[in-house]
N, C-alpha and C. Protein backbone atom coordinates (compact mmCIF):
# COMPACT_ATOMS: atom_id res chain seq x y z
N MET A 1 10.22 10.49 -20.28
CA MET A 1 10.06 9.79 -19.65
C MET A 1 9.98 8.78 -20.61
N LYS A 2 10.97 7.19 -19.16
CA LYS A 2 11.24 6.00 -19.93
C LYS A 2 10.18 5.37 -18.80
N GLN A 3 10.26 3.80 -19.63
CA GLN A 3 9.53 3.46 -19.44
C GLN A 3 10.28 1.96 -18.50
N MET A 4 9.69 1.53 -16.76
CA MET A 4 10.43 0.56 -16.64
C MET A 4 9.58 -1.07 -16.37
N GLU A 5 9.99 -1.99 -16.79
CA GLU A 5 9.45 -3.07 -16.24
C GLU A 5 9.48 -3.64 -15.18
N VAL A 6 8.54 -4.24 -13.70
CA VAL A 6 9.14 -4.26 -12.73
C VAL A 6 7.85 -5.34 -12.27
N THR A 7 7.80 -6.43 -11.31
CA THR A 7 7.51 -7.02 -10.29
C THR A 7 6.95 -7.36 -9.87
N ILE A 8 5.47 -7.23 -9.20
CA ILE A 8 5.57 -7.62 -7.80
C ILE A 8 4.34 -8.46 -7.97
N MET A 9 4.10 -9.30 -6.80
CA MET A 9 3.73 -10.48 -6.10
C MET A 9 3.30 -11.52 -8.04
N GLY A 10 4.63 -11.69 -7.85
CA GLY A 10 4.84 -12.53 -9.67
C GLY A 10 4.19 -11.69 -10.63
N GLN A 11 3.39 -11.04 -10.89
CA GLN A 11 3.12 -10.61 -11.87
C GLN A 11 3.22 -9.01 -12.52
N SER A 12 4.39 -8.73 -14.28
CA SER A 12 4.98 -8.04 -14.53
C SER A 12 4.30 -6.80 -14.80
N TYR A 13 4.63 -5.60 -14.82
CA TYR A 13 3.96 -4.43 -14.99
C TYR A 13 5.27 -3.43 -15.66
N LEU A 14 4.12 -2.54 -16.44
CA LEU A 14 5.15 -1.52 -17.19
C LEU A 14 5.49 -1.07 -16.75
N LEU A 15 5.75 0.24 -16.13
CA LEU A 15 5.56 1.59 -15.87
C LEU A 15 6.42 2.13 -16.02
N GLY A 16 5.24 3.32 -16.11
CA GLY A 16 6.10 4.95 -17.06
C GLY A 16 7.24 5.79 -15.61
N CYS A 17 8.47 5.92 -15.72
CA CYS A 17 9.28 6.87 -15.17
C CYS A 17 9.70 8.01 -15.67
N PRO A 18 10.05 8.97 -14.63
CA PRO A 18 10.69 10.09 -14.93
C PRO A 18 12.15 10.03 -15.52
N ASP A 19 12.72 10.37 -15.79
CA ASP A 19 14.34 10.03 -16.23
C ASP A 19 15.28 10.99 -14.64
N GLY A 20 16.38 9.67 -14.20
CA GLY A 20 16.70 9.86 -13.02
C GLY A 20 15.92 9.01 -11.88
N GLY A 21 14.97 8.53 -11.65
CA GLY A 21 13.88 8.34 -10.99
C GLY A 21 13.34 6.63 -10.49
N GLU A 22 14.38 6.32 -11.80
CA GLU A 22 14.68 4.58 -11.35
C GLU A 22 14.63 4.00 -10.06
N ALA A 23 15.60 4.96 -9.45
CA ALA A 23 15.81 4.11 -8.16
C ALA A 23 15.02 4.53 -7.18
N ALA A 24 14.31 5.28 -6.82
CA ALA A 24 12.89 5.69 -6.62
C ALA A 24 11.77 4.63 -6.72
N LEU A 25 11.52 4.49 -7.77
CA LEU A 25 10.82 4.04 -8.15
C LEU A 25 11.02 2.32 -8.04
N SER A 26 12.42 2.12 -8.20
CA SER A 26 12.69 0.74 -7.47
C SER A 26 12.34 0.45 -6.08
N LYS A 27 12.87 1.16 -5.79
CA LYS A 27 12.51 1.28 -4.11
C LYS A 27 11.21 1.19 -3.58
N ALA A 28 10.39 2.11 -4.39
CA ALA A 28 8.69 1.70 -3.99
C ALA A 28 8.61 0.29 -4.68
N VAL A 29 8.57 0.99 -5.93
CA VAL A 29 7.89 -1.18 -5.73
C VAL A 29 8.34 -2.03 -4.40
N GLY A 30 9.73 -2.05 -4.42
CA GLY A 30 10.08 -3.44 -3.52
C GLY A 30 9.38 -2.99 -1.91
N GLN A 31 8.81 -2.31 -2.20
CA GLN A 31 7.98 -1.54 -0.63
C GLN A 31 6.51 -2.16 -0.77
N VAL A 32 6.70 -2.11 -2.47
CA VAL A 32 4.98 -2.79 -2.21
C VAL A 32 4.62 -4.20 -2.64
N ASP A 33 6.15 -4.84 -2.84
CA ASP A 33 5.59 -5.83 -3.51
C ASP A 33 6.00 -6.65 -1.98
N LYS A 34 6.96 -6.37 -1.14
CA LYS A 34 6.66 -6.78 -0.05
C LYS A 34 5.81 -6.83 1.12
N GLU A 35 4.87 -5.67 1.15
CA GLU A 35 3.81 -5.39 1.62
C GLU A 35 2.72 -6.64 1.51
N MET A 36 2.04 -6.25 -0.37
CA MET A 36 1.32 -7.23 -0.94
C MET A 36 1.90 -8.86 -0.92
N SER A 37 3.15 -9.34 -0.33
CA SER A 37 3.46 -9.68 -0.40
C SER A 37 3.25 -10.81 1.59
N ALA A 38 3.42 -10.07 2.22
CA ALA A 38 3.41 -10.13 3.07
C ALA A 38 1.23 -10.73 3.98
N ILE A 39 0.96 -9.36 3.29
CA ILE A 39 -0.53 -10.04 3.71
C ILE A 39 -1.32 -11.35 2.93
N ARG A 40 -0.22 -11.65 1.01
CA ARG A 40 -0.91 -12.63 0.62
C ARG A 40 -0.19 -14.04 1.64
N ASP A 41 1.05 -13.67 2.32
CA ASP A 41 1.64 -15.70 3.08
C ASP A 41 1.40 -15.43 3.93
N ALA A 42 0.08 -14.43 4.46
CA ALA A 42 -0.52 -14.38 5.66
C ALA A 42 -1.88 -15.16 5.65
N GLY A 43 -2.30 -15.47 4.56
CA GLY A 43 -2.79 -16.32 4.13
C GLY A 43 -4.46 -15.78 4.57
N ARG A 44 -4.83 -15.54 5.42
CA ARG A 44 -6.53 -14.76 5.03
C ARG A 44 -7.20 -14.16 4.29
N VAL A 45 -6.01 -13.28 3.58
CA VAL A 45 -6.75 -13.00 2.04
C VAL A 45 -6.37 -13.47 0.52
N LYS A 46 -7.17 -13.85 -0.33
CA LYS A 46 -6.64 -14.47 -1.52
C LYS A 46 -6.70 -13.74 -2.98
N ALA A 47 -8.12 -12.62 -2.70
CA ALA A 47 -7.69 -11.79 -3.60
C ALA A 47 -7.18 -11.38 -4.18
N ARG A 48 -6.31 -10.71 -5.39
CA ARG A 48 -5.11 -9.57 -5.64
C ARG A 48 -5.74 -8.50 -5.15
N GLU A 49 -6.41 -8.26 -5.72
CA GLU A 49 -7.57 -6.62 -5.75
C GLU A 49 -7.68 -5.96 -4.06
N ARG A 50 -7.99 -7.33 -3.45
CA ARG A 50 -7.94 -6.70 -1.39
C ARG A 50 -6.77 -6.26 -1.14
N ILE A 51 -5.79 -7.11 -1.35
CA ILE A 51 -4.20 -7.62 -1.05
C ILE A 51 -3.86 -6.46 -1.95
N ALA A 52 -3.95 -5.34 -2.92
CA ALA A 52 -3.80 -4.09 -3.20
C ALA A 52 -4.05 -2.97 -2.25
N VAL A 53 -5.57 -3.35 -2.20
CA VAL A 53 -6.17 -1.86 -0.72
C VAL A 53 -5.34 -2.30 0.12
N LEU A 54 -5.75 -3.15 0.92
CA LEU A 54 -4.41 -3.00 2.57
C LEU A 54 -4.05 -3.19 2.06
N ALA A 55 -2.29 -3.00 1.05
CA ALA A 55 -1.53 -3.20 0.90
C ALA A 55 -1.08 -1.75 0.99
N ALA A 56 -2.00 -0.85 0.07
CA ALA A 56 -1.60 0.41 0.17
C ALA A 56 -2.48 1.39 1.06
N LEU A 57 -2.90 0.80 1.89
CA LEU A 57 -3.83 1.36 3.19
C LEU A 57 -2.85 1.60 4.26
N ASN A 58 -1.90 -0.16 4.28
CA ASN A 58 -0.79 0.38 5.48
C ASN A 58 0.30 0.91 4.98
N LEU A 59 0.70 1.07 4.21
CA LEU A 59 1.29 1.76 3.87
C LEU A 59 1.58 3.23 3.67
N ALA A 60 0.06 3.61 3.51
CA ALA A 60 -0.51 5.35 3.71
C ALA A 60 -0.28 5.27 5.49
N TYR A 61 -0.90 4.53 6.31
CA TYR A 61 -0.84 4.31 7.51
C TYR A 61 0.02 4.75 7.68
N GLN A 62 1.32 3.82 7.17
CA GLN A 62 2.52 4.19 8.17
C GLN A 62 3.02 5.20 7.62
N LEU A 63 2.66 5.82 6.55
CA LEU A 63 3.43 6.96 6.24
C LEU A 63 2.70 8.99 7.08
N ALA A 64 1.46 8.16 7.41
CA ALA A 64 0.40 9.23 8.01
C ALA A 64 1.30 9.18 9.39
N GLU A 65 1.87 7.95 10.24
CA GLU A 65 2.14 7.95 11.54
C GLU A 65 4.10 8.55 11.12
N GLY A 66 4.63 8.57 10.16
CA GLY A 66 6.04 8.75 10.37
C GLY A 66 5.70 10.00 9.91
N GLY A 67 4.72 10.61 9.42
CA GLY A 67 4.46 12.63 9.14
C GLY A 67 4.70 13.05 9.58
N PRO A 68 3.42 14.52 9.14
CA PRO A 68 3.98 16.19 9.65
C PRO A 68 3.99 15.81 11.24
N ALA A 69 3.61 16.68 12.48
CA ALA A 69 3.03 17.20 13.52
C ALA A 69 2.00 16.65 13.50
N PRO A 70 1.49 16.55 14.79
CA PRO A 70 0.41 15.98 15.04
C PRO A 70 -1.19 16.44 14.55
N ALA A 71 -0.82 18.63 14.66
CA ALA A 71 -2.13 19.26 14.32
C ALA A 71 -1.94 19.24 12.71
N ALA A 72 -0.87 19.08 11.58
CA ALA A 72 -1.04 19.43 10.70
C ALA A 72 -1.32 18.32 10.30
N LYS A 73 -1.14 16.80 10.66
CA LYS A 73 -1.71 15.50 10.47
C LYS A 73 -3.01 15.44 10.64
N SER A 74 -3.90 15.87 11.62
CA SER A 74 -5.31 15.81 11.62
C SER A 74 -5.58 16.95 10.60
N ALA A 75 -5.20 17.86 10.35
CA ALA A 75 -5.70 19.01 9.45
C ALA A 75 -5.75 18.16 7.87
N ALA A 76 -4.55 17.94 7.52
CA ALA A 76 -4.20 17.23 6.34
C ALA A 76 -4.76 15.77 5.65
N LEU A 77 -5.09 14.91 6.82
CA LEU A 77 -5.28 13.59 6.47
C LEU A 77 -7.10 12.53 7.48
N PRO A 78 -7.28 12.01 5.95
CA PRO A 78 -8.90 11.20 6.97
C PRO A 78 -8.38 11.07 7.78
N ASP A 79 -9.70 9.97 8.79
CA ASP A 79 -9.29 9.85 10.03
C ASP A 79 -9.41 8.54 9.46
N LEU A 80 -7.93 8.37 10.21
CA LEU A 80 -7.69 6.66 9.80
C LEU A 80 -7.98 5.51 10.38
N ASP A 81 -8.75 5.90 11.25
CA ASP A 81 -9.10 5.09 12.60
C ASP A 81 -10.21 4.53 12.19
N GLY A 82 -11.75 5.55 11.60
CA GLY A 82 -12.77 5.29 11.13
C GLY A 82 -12.69 4.46 9.46
N LEU A 83 -11.63 4.45 9.03
CA LEU A 83 -11.23 4.39 7.64
C LEU A 83 -11.50 2.65 7.80
N VAL A 84 -10.56 2.47 8.96
CA VAL A 84 -9.44 1.11 9.19
C VAL A 84 -11.00 0.22 9.48
N ARG A 85 -11.75 0.68 9.98
CA ARG A 85 -12.81 0.02 11.40
C ARG A 85 -13.59 -0.02 9.82
N ARG A 86 -13.86 0.64 8.96
CA ARG A 86 -15.35 0.74 8.23
C ARG A 86 -14.35 -0.19 6.48
N LEU A 87 -13.36 -0.83 6.45
CA LEU A 87 -13.03 -1.33 5.60
C LEU A 87 -12.71 -2.57 6.61
N ASP A 88 -12.29 -2.84 7.49
CA ASP A 88 -12.73 -4.19 8.31
C ASP A 88 -14.26 -4.86 7.73
N GLU A 89 -15.00 -3.52 8.02
CA GLU A 89 -17.06 -3.97 7.96
C GLU A 89 -16.46 -4.54 6.95
N ALA A 90 -16.15 -4.02 5.53
CA ALA A 90 -16.69 -4.53 4.68
C ALA A 90 -15.98 -5.79 3.89
N LEU A 91 -14.90 -5.64 4.28
CA LEU A 91 -14.20 -7.26 4.02
C LEU A 91 -14.66 -8.18 4.79
N GLY A 92 -15.14 -7.68 5.81
CA GLY A 92 -15.86 -8.79 6.51
C GLY A 92 -15.17 -10.40 6.59
N HIS A 93 -15.30 -11.38 6.21
CA HIS A 93 -14.50 -13.01 7.19
C HIS A 93 -13.63 -12.66 6.46
N ASP A 94 -13.05 -11.79 5.15
CA ASP A 94 -11.21 -11.87 4.32
C ASP A 94 -10.73 -11.67 5.69
N GLY A 95 -11.14 -10.82 6.60
CA GLY A 95 -9.74 -10.54 7.74
C GLY A 95 -9.84 -9.44 8.30
N HIS A 96 -9.27 -8.34 9.75
CA HIS A 96 -9.52 -7.04 9.61
C HIS A 96 -7.67 -6.75 9.32
N LEU A 97 -7.56 -5.16 8.55
CA LEU A 97 -6.37 -4.58 8.18
C LEU A 97 -5.57 -4.25 8.85
N LEU A 98 -5.79 -4.00 10.60
CA LEU A 98 -4.35 -4.04 11.52
C LEU A 98 -5.44 -4.56 12.43
């Protein structure tokens, strides 16, 4: 396993990467950076930790929407609408997830 230095929202991270996985990791980092930057640039959320959680949930939601057939999806994934509502309640004045 090799290590790759990546940058997300201007901060550097050293990540482990399996041999041959550099392109996939770079693509994933690009998606995370794009999502986090969009949330930050919207201006409603300032804390890096909250931005990271919202970005992770947005990306997971996108994967779930494009994932398996509805029958398999409902058995394999948690209630995303309920999760979003709970997060919105917890975030309070920082703004809503979706």
